[in-house]
C-alpha cells in the first residue's frame, strides 16, 4: 500500500509536534508544512524538519496530500478546513473544534456532508491507556450505575498578561474552559455519556487577560448523574496539563488520571500505572497520547472507519463549553441545545 500523503498546516508548537511524529511513520509521506511566517520555517529547520515548506495551503496542495493536519488558531479552523475538504482531503484539527458554537456547527456540517472523508480531533487524552481502560471497565459495570463524578484539569500555563492568540477572546473564543477544559469534557463525554445541562458555573480572571483562568461548573448528564468540573490553567506545580476523574457508582469508585487507574469495589482495590497498559508507539511515551492520536487517524484514513474522537463528539464538547460560559455570564442553569 502506498504511504498516505500528508501536510501539516500551521507550524507553531502543535504543528511541529505533529510534523515530527508523522515523519517517523513508515505509512506516511509528509509532503508539506504550511505557515506564512518565515520564522516558522526557520524554527522548524532548526529542530530537524525536512519536509518541503510552503507559505500557503494552495501551494502545499500542489503536492496532492490526501490528509491535512490543522494546527492553526481556533478562529481559522473553519476556513482552512473548508478549503481542505473542498480539495478532497481528510482533516485532523487540533482542539477545540472551533472558536465559537456557530463555527463548530459549520464544521460539523462539513463532516456530515462528506462521508467519504475522515475527520479527527486532537484530543490526545482519548488515546492514553488509563482512560481507554477506564472506559472499558465502566461500560462493563465495574462500579455499577454511575451516580456522580468529580473531574479536574490543571495546568501551570499562565500567571500574567500574555499577548499570544490563545489569550485573546476573538481568536480563541475563550480561556481555560475552551483550552484545557475541553480535554476534561471529552473524557466526561467518552466515559460517562453526554451532558444535558450546566446547572451552574462560575469563572475567575486572575492573570489580567481577556479570557478566564479557572472555573467550576456543575454538569448534569443525560443519565441523570452529576459531575463537578474544575478547570485551572494557572495551577502551581503543574508543568503539564493533567486530567483526573473520581467516579462514584452504586457498586464502587473508579479514579483515573493520565498516569494511574484505581478501582475500589466489593472491598477490593486494584491500581494500574499507564506503563502497564498497551502503547502503540514503538517506545513507551507515558502520558503523551499525541503519537497514538496521529497513528489512529492515519489508520482510519488508510483503512476507513470513524476516528476515536469525531467532529460530532467535538461539537458536543463545544456545546458544553458554550453552556458553561453562558451559565457563568447569566448566572443560571443552561440546557444544551
Protein backbone atom coordinates (compact mmCIF):
# COMPACT_ATOMS: atom_id res chain seq x y z
CA UNK A 1 0.00 0.00 0.00
CA UNK A 2 1.33 3.44 -0.92
CA UNK A 3 2.03 5.77 2.01
CA UNK A 4 -0.55 8.38 2.94
CA UNK A 5 0.49 11.81 1.70
CA UNK A 6 0.02 14.33 4.50
CA UNK A 7 0.57 18.04 5.03
CA UNK A 8 0.66 19.98 8.31
CA UNK A 9 -0.89 23.46 8.25
CA UNK A 10 0.31 25.83 10.97
CA UNK A 11 3.82 25.31 12.31
CA UNK A 12 3.60 26.53 15.87
CA UNK A 13 4.15 24.21 18.84
CA UNK A 14 1.50 21.67 17.85
CA UNK A 15 2.39 21.81 14.16
CA UNK A 16 5.99 21.00 15.00
CA UNK A 17 4.82 18.14 17.21
CA UNK A 18 2.59 16.59 14.55
CA UNK A 19 5.20 17.04 11.80
CA UNK A 20 7.82 15.31 13.96
CA UNK A 21 5.51 12.40 14.80
CA UNK A 22 4.23 11.91 11.26
CA UNK A 23 7.80 11.92 9.94
CA UNK A 24 8.52 8.75 11.96
CA UNK A 25 5.65 6.73 10.47
CA UNK A 26 6.54 4.46 7.53
CA UNK A 27 2.92 4.56 6.30
CA UNK A 28 3.08 8.37 5.96
CA UNK A 29 4.79 10.67 3.47
CA UNK A 30 4.95 14.21 4.86
CA UNK A 31 4.74 16.21 1.63
CA UNK A 32 4.49 19.69 3.08
CA UNK A 33 4.45 22.03 6.05
CA UNK A 34 2.49 25.28 5.73
CA UNK A 35 2.98 28.60 7.52
CA UNK A 36 3.05 32.14 6.14
CA UNK A 37 5.68 33.23 8.67
CA UNK A 38 9.32 32.72 7.52
CA UNK A 39 10.33 32.48 11.18
CA UNK A 40 8.23 29.33 11.48
CA UNK A 41 10.25 27.64 8.75
CA UNK A 42 13.50 28.71 10.39
CA UNK A 43 12.38 27.21 13.70
CA UNK A 44 11.20 24.01 12.03
CA UNK A 45 14.51 23.58 10.23
CA UNK A 46 16.40 24.20 13.48
CA UNK A 47 14.73 21.18 15.09
CA UNK A 48 15.32 18.92 12.11
CA UNK A 49 12.16 19.23 9.98
CA UNK A 50 13.00 18.20 6.40
CA UNK A 51 9.62 18.33 4.65
CA UNK A 52 9.04 20.96 1.93
CA UNK A 53 7.81 24.27 3.36
CA UNK A 54 5.05 26.37 1.80
CA UNK A 55 3.61 29.81 2.53
CA UNK A 56 0.03 28.84 1.60
CA UNK A 57 -2.32 25.87 1.64
CA UNK A 58 -2.85 26.18 -2.12
CA UNK A 59 0.87 25.69 -2.79
CA UNK A 60 1.05 22.69 -0.45
CA UNK A 61 -1.87 21.02 -2.21
CA UNK A 62 0.10 21.03 -5.44
CA UNK A 63 1.85 18.06 -3.79
CA UNK A 64 -1.58 16.35 -3.61
CA UNK A 65 -1.77 15.46 0.09
CA UNK A 66 -4.62 13.07 0.94
CA UNK A 67 -4.85 14.35 4.52
CA UNK A 68 -4.20 17.61 6.34
CA UNK A 69 -3.40 18.23 9.99
CA UNK A 70 -4.67 21.68 11.02
CA UNK A 71 -2.70 23.41 13.79
CA UNK A 72 -3.86 26.98 13.26
CA UNK A 73 -5.51 29.42 15.69
CA UNK A 74 -9.04 28.25 16.50
CA UNK A 75 -10.75 31.09 14.63
CA UNK A 76 -9.09 29.88 11.39
CA UNK A 77 -10.17 26.23 11.72
CA UNK A 78 -13.39 26.61 9.75
CA UNK A 79 -11.98 28.44 6.74
CA UNK A 80 -8.91 26.20 6.43
CA UNK A 81 -10.95 23.03 6.96
CA UNK A 82 -13.47 24.13 4.34
CA UNK A 83 -10.60 24.63 1.86
CA UNK A 84 -9.10 21.20 2.62
CA UNK A 85 -12.45 19.40 2.34
CA UNK A 86 -13.14 21.13 -0.99
CA UNK A 87 -9.83 19.65 -2.19
CA UNK A 88 -10.94 16.17 -1.10
CA UNK A 89 -8.62 15.79 1.88
CA UNK A 90 -9.20 14.03 5.19
CA UNK A 91 -8.87 16.59 8.03
CA UNK A 92 -7.45 16.31 11.52
CA UNK A 93 -7.91 19.50 13.54
CA UNK A 94 -6.29 20.47 16.82
CA UNK A 95 -8.81 21.04 19.60
CA UNK A 96 -11.11 22.76 20.14
CA UNK A 97 -13.18 22.23 17.02
CA UNK A 98 -13.70 25.98 16.56
CA UNK A 99 -13.63 29.29 18.41
CA UNK A 100 -17.44 29.57 18.61
CA UNK A 101 -20.50 27.35 18.61
CA UNK A 102 -21.81 28.63 15.23
CA UNK A 103 -18.42 27.94 13.63
CA UNK A 104 -18.34 24.48 15.23
CA UNK A 105 -21.81 23.81 13.80
CA UNK A 106 -20.48 24.61 10.32
CA UNK A 107 -17.54 22.28 10.94
CA UNK A 108 -19.99 19.53 11.85
CA UNK A 109 -21.87 20.14 8.60
CA UNK A 110 -18.60 19.60 6.70
CA UNK A 111 -18.21 16.19 8.33
CA UNK A 112 -21.82 15.22 7.71
CA UNK A 113 -21.60 16.31 4.07
CA UNK A 114 -18.55 14.18 3.20
CA UNK A 115 -18.97 10.58 4.47
CA UNK A 116 -16.13 9.58 2.14
CA UNK A 117 -13.62 11.56 4.22
CA UNK A 118 -12.24 11.05 7.73
CA UNK A 119 -12.48 13.83 10.33
CA UNK A 120 -10.44 13.69 13.55
CA UNK A 121 -9.74 15.97 16.51
CA UNK A 122 -6.60 16.30 18.63
CA UNK A 123 -7.97 15.16 21.97
CA UNK A 124 -4.89 13.12 22.77
CA UNK A 125 -6.24 12.04 26.19
CA UNK A 126 -8.70 9.73 24.43
CA UNK A 127 -5.68 7.64 23.38
CA UNK A 128 -4.00 7.33 26.79
CA UNK A 129 -4.15 3.81 28.16
CA UNK A 130 -5.60 4.61 31.59
CA UNK A 131 -8.62 6.42 30.12
CA UNK A 132 -9.17 3.76 27.46
CA UNK A 133 -9.15 1.04 30.14
CA UNK A 134 -11.42 3.11 32.41
CA UNK A 135 -13.93 3.39 29.58
CA UNK A 136 -13.94 -0.41 29.16
CA UNK A 137 -14.41 -1.00 32.90
CA UNK A 138 -17.24 1.50 33.24
CA UNK A 139 -19.03 0.05 30.21
CA UNK A 140 -18.73 -3.39 31.83
CA UNK A 141 -20.33 -2.10 35.05
CA UNK A 142 -17.21 -2.21 37.24
CA UNK A 143 -18.68 0.33 39.70
CA UNK A 144 -22.36 -0.17 38.93
CA UNK A 145 -24.68 2.64 37.91
CA UNK A 146 -22.87 5.99 37.88
CA UNK A 147 -24.19 8.43 40.47
CA UNK A 148 -21.73 11.32 40.47
CA UNK A 149 -18.21 12.30 39.46
CA UNK A 150 -15.64 14.99 40.05
CA UNK A 151 -13.38 15.92 37.14
CA UNK A 152 -10.31 18.16 37.38
CA UNK A 153 -7.93 19.54 34.78
CA UNK A 154 -4.96 21.65 35.85
CA UNK A 155 -2.01 23.23 34.08
CA UNK A 156 0.62 25.76 35.14
CA UNK A 157 0.41 27.67 31.88
CA UNK A 158 -0.21 31.37 32.58
CA UNK A 159 0.29 33.63 35.57
CA UNK A 160 0.49 37.08 33.95
CA UNK A 161 -0.73 39.11 30.98
CA UNK A 162 0.02 37.41 27.63
CA UNK A 163 -0.13 38.60 24.01
CA UNK A 164 -0.44 35.28 22.13
CA UNK A 165 -3.67 34.45 20.27
CA UNK A 166 -4.57 31.78 22.84
CA UNK A 167 -5.33 34.55 25.35
CA UNK A 168 -7.45 36.72 23.03
CA UNK A 169 -11.20 36.15 23.15
CA UNK A 170 -11.80 36.88 19.45
CA UNK A 171 -9.09 34.46 18.34
CA UNK A 172 -9.53 31.63 20.85
CA UNK A 173 -13.19 32.03 21.79
CA UNK A 174 -12.45 31.61 25.49
CA UNK A 175 -9.79 30.74 28.01
CA UNK A 176 -9.14 27.79 30.30
CA UNK A 177 -12.51 26.09 29.69
CA UNK A 178 -12.04 26.29 25.92
CA UNK A 179 -8.41 25.15 26.04
CA UNK A 180 -7.60 22.66 28.78
CA UNK A 181 -11.23 22.29 29.88
CA UNK A 182 -12.11 20.71 26.56
CA UNK A 183 -9.76 17.81 27.39
CA UNK A 184 -11.73 17.14 30.58
CA UNK A 185 -15.13 17.49 28.90
CA UNK A 186 -14.28 15.00 26.15
CA UNK A 187 -13.34 12.46 28.86
CA UNK A 188 -16.65 13.06 30.64
CA UNK A 189 -18.42 12.51 27.33
CA UNK A 190 -16.49 9.33 26.46
CA UNK A 191 -16.52 7.73 29.92
CA UNK A 192 -19.85 8.86 31.37
CA UNK A 193 -22.04 9.94 28.46
CA UNK A 194 -23.44 13.20 27.09
CA UNK A 195 -24.07 16.32 29.16
CA UNK A 196 -27.68 17.54 29.13
CA UNK A 197 -27.31 20.75 31.15
CA UNK A 198 -24.96 23.04 33.02
CA UNK A 199 -26.64 23.54 36.37
CA UNK A 200 -24.32 26.34 37.49
CA UNK A 201 -20.97 27.84 36.53
CA UNK A 202 -18.53 30.37 37.92
CA UNK A 203 -15.29 31.62 36.36
CA UNK A 204 -12.25 33.53 37.61
CA UNK A 205 -9.96 36.04 35.90
CA UNK A 206 -6.64 36.29 37.72
CA UNK A 207 -3.86 36.85 35.16
CA UNK A 208 -5.05 40.10 33.57
CA UNK A 209 -6.02 38.54 30.23
CA UNK A 210 -9.29 38.83 28.30
CA UNK A 211 -10.20 35.20 28.95
CA UNK A 212 -10.86 33.24 32.14
CA UNK A 213 -8.12 31.39 34.00
CA UNK A 214 -10.18 28.94 36.05
CA UNK A 215 -13.70 27.95 36.94
CA UNK A 216 -16.09 25.42 38.41
CA UNK A 217 -19.18 24.03 36.68
CA UNK A 218 -21.90 21.67 37.86
CA UNK A 219 -22.97 19.41 34.99
CA UNK A 220 -25.97 17.13 34.61
CA UNK A 221 -25.65 14.10 32.32
CA UNK A 222 -28.46 12.65 30.23
CA UNK A 223 -28.24 9.61 32.53
CA UNK A 224 -29.15 11.84 35.49
CA UNK A 225 -25.69 11.62 37.08
CA UNK A 226 -24.00 14.78 38.36
CA UNK A 227 -20.46 15.90 37.51
CA UNK A 228 -18.47 18.67 39.17
CA UNK A 229 -15.89 20.08 36.76
CA UNK A 230 -12.87 22.12 37.94
CA UNK A 231 -10.54 23.70 35.37
CA UNK A 232 -7.49 25.87 36.04
CA UNK A 233 -4.60 26.80 33.74
CA UNK A 234 -2.86 28.88 36.43
CA UNK A 235 -2.18 25.94 38.75
CA UNK A 236 1.14 25.98 40.59
CA UNK A 237 3.43 22.95 40.24
CA UNK A 238 1.71 21.63 37.11
CA UNK A 239 4.33 21.69 34.31
CA UNK A 240 1.96 19.81 32.01
CA UNK A 241 -1.81 19.53 31.66
CA UNK A 242 -3.27 16.85 33.93
CA UNK A 243 -6.82 15.46 33.77
CA UNK A 244 -8.28 13.29 36.54
CA UNK A 245 -11.70 11.92 37.45
CA UNK A 246 -13.19 10.32 40.54
CA UNK A 247 -16.35 8.41 39.57
CA UNK A 248 -18.76 7.07 42.19
CA UNK A 249 -21.26 4.35 41.36
CA UNK A 250 -23.68 2.08 43.16
CA UNK A 251 -21.03 -0.66 43.40
CA UNK A 252 -17.76 1.22 43.92
CA UNK A 253 -15.44 4.02 42.93
CA UNK A 254 -13.11 4.47 39.97
CA UNK A 255 -10.29 7.03 39.93
CA UNK A 256 -8.39 7.72 36.74
CA UNK A 257 -5.72 10.16 35.65
CA UNK A 258 -3.24 10.31 32.81
CA UNK A 259 -0.86 8.23 34.95
CA UNK A 260 -2.95 5.96 37.18
CA UNK A 261 -6.17 3.93 37.19
CA UNK A 262 -7.63 2.75 40.51
CA UNK A 263 -10.83 0.78 41.17
CA UNK A 264 -12.40 0.10 44.57
CA UNK A 265 -15.27 -2.37 44.54
CA UNK A 266 -16.57 -5.20 46.74
CA UNK A 267 -13.91 -4.48 49.35
CA UNK A 268 -11.05 -4.82 46.89
CA UNK A 269 -8.72 -2.23 45.39
CA UNK A 270 -6.70 -2.52 42.19
CA UNK A 271 -4.28 0.06 40.84
CA UNK A 272 -2.65 0.18 37.39
CA UNK A 273 0.03 2.55 36.08
CA UNK A 274 -0.17 3.73 32.48
CA UNK A 275 3.14 2.00 31.71
CA UNK A 276 1.44 -1.37 32.36
CA UNK A 277 -1.08 -0.77 29.56
CA UNK A 278 -0.59 -1.12 25.79
CA UNK A 279 1.07 1.79 23.97
CA UNK A 280 1.07 1.76 20.14
CA UNK A 281 4.29 3.77 19.96
CA UNK A 282 7.47 1.81 19.43
CA UNK A 283 8.71 3.09 22.80
CA UNK A 284 6.77 3.92 25.99
CA UNK A 285 5.75 7.58 25.81
CA UNK A 286 3.99 7.74 29.17
CA UNK A 287 1.16 10.25 29.29
CA UNK A 288 1.82 11.59 25.77
CA UNK A 289 -1.09 10.47 23.62
CA UNK A 290 -0.13 12.56 20.59
CA UNK A 291 1.58 9.68 18.77
CA UNK A 292 -1.42 7.43 19.34
CA UNK A 293 -3.84 10.10 18.13
CA UNK A 294 -1.88 10.65 14.92
CA UNK A 295 -1.38 6.94 14.29
CA UNK A 296 -5.08 6.19 14.80
CA UNK A 297 -6.15 8.94 12.41
CA UNK A 298 -3.69 7.79 9.74
CA UNK A 299 -5.01 4.25 10.14
CA UNK A 300 -8.59 5.46 9.63
CA UNK A 301 -7.59 7.39 6.51
CA UNK A 302 -5.98 4.29 5.03
CA UNK A 303 -8.46 1.64 6.14
CA UNK A 304 -11.70 3.50 6.85
CA UNK A 305 -13.81 3.79 9.96
CA UNK A 306 -14.62 6.61 12.38
CA UNK A 307 -11.77 8.17 14.39
CA UNK A 308 -11.85 7.76 18.17
CA UNK A 309 -12.98 11.37 18.57
CA UNK A 310 -15.10 12.54 15.65
CA UNK A 311 -16.17 16.09 14.85
CA UNK A 312 -19.62 15.13 16.15
CA UNK A 313 -18.01 14.33 19.53
CA UNK A 314 -16.04 17.58 19.44
CA UNK A 315 -19.21 19.51 18.62
CA UNK A 316 -20.83 18.17 21.80
CA UNK A 317 -17.77 19.34 23.74
CA UNK A 318 -18.20 22.78 22.16
CA UNK A 319 -21.86 22.82 23.19
CA UNK A 320 -20.87 22.13 26.80
CA UNK A 321 -18.23 24.88 26.77
CA UNK A 322 -20.75 27.35 25.31
CA UNK A 323 -23.23 26.42 28.06
CA UNK A 324 -20.54 26.80 30.76
CA UNK A 325 -19.78 30.33 29.55
CA UNK A 326 -23.46 31.18 29.16
CA UNK A 327 -24.26 29.92 32.65
CA UNK A 328 -21.36 31.86 34.22
CA UNK A 329 -22.39 35.06 32.48
CA UNK A 330 -26.14 34.81 33.11
CA UNK A 331 -25.83 33.05 36.49
CA UNK A 332 -28.47 30.47 35.64
CA UNK A 333 -28.94 26.89 34.53
CA UNK A 334 -28.38 26.33 30.82
CA UNK A 335 -29.72 23.29 28.94
CA UNK A 336 -27.80 22.11 25.88
CA UNK A 337 -29.44 22.60 22.51
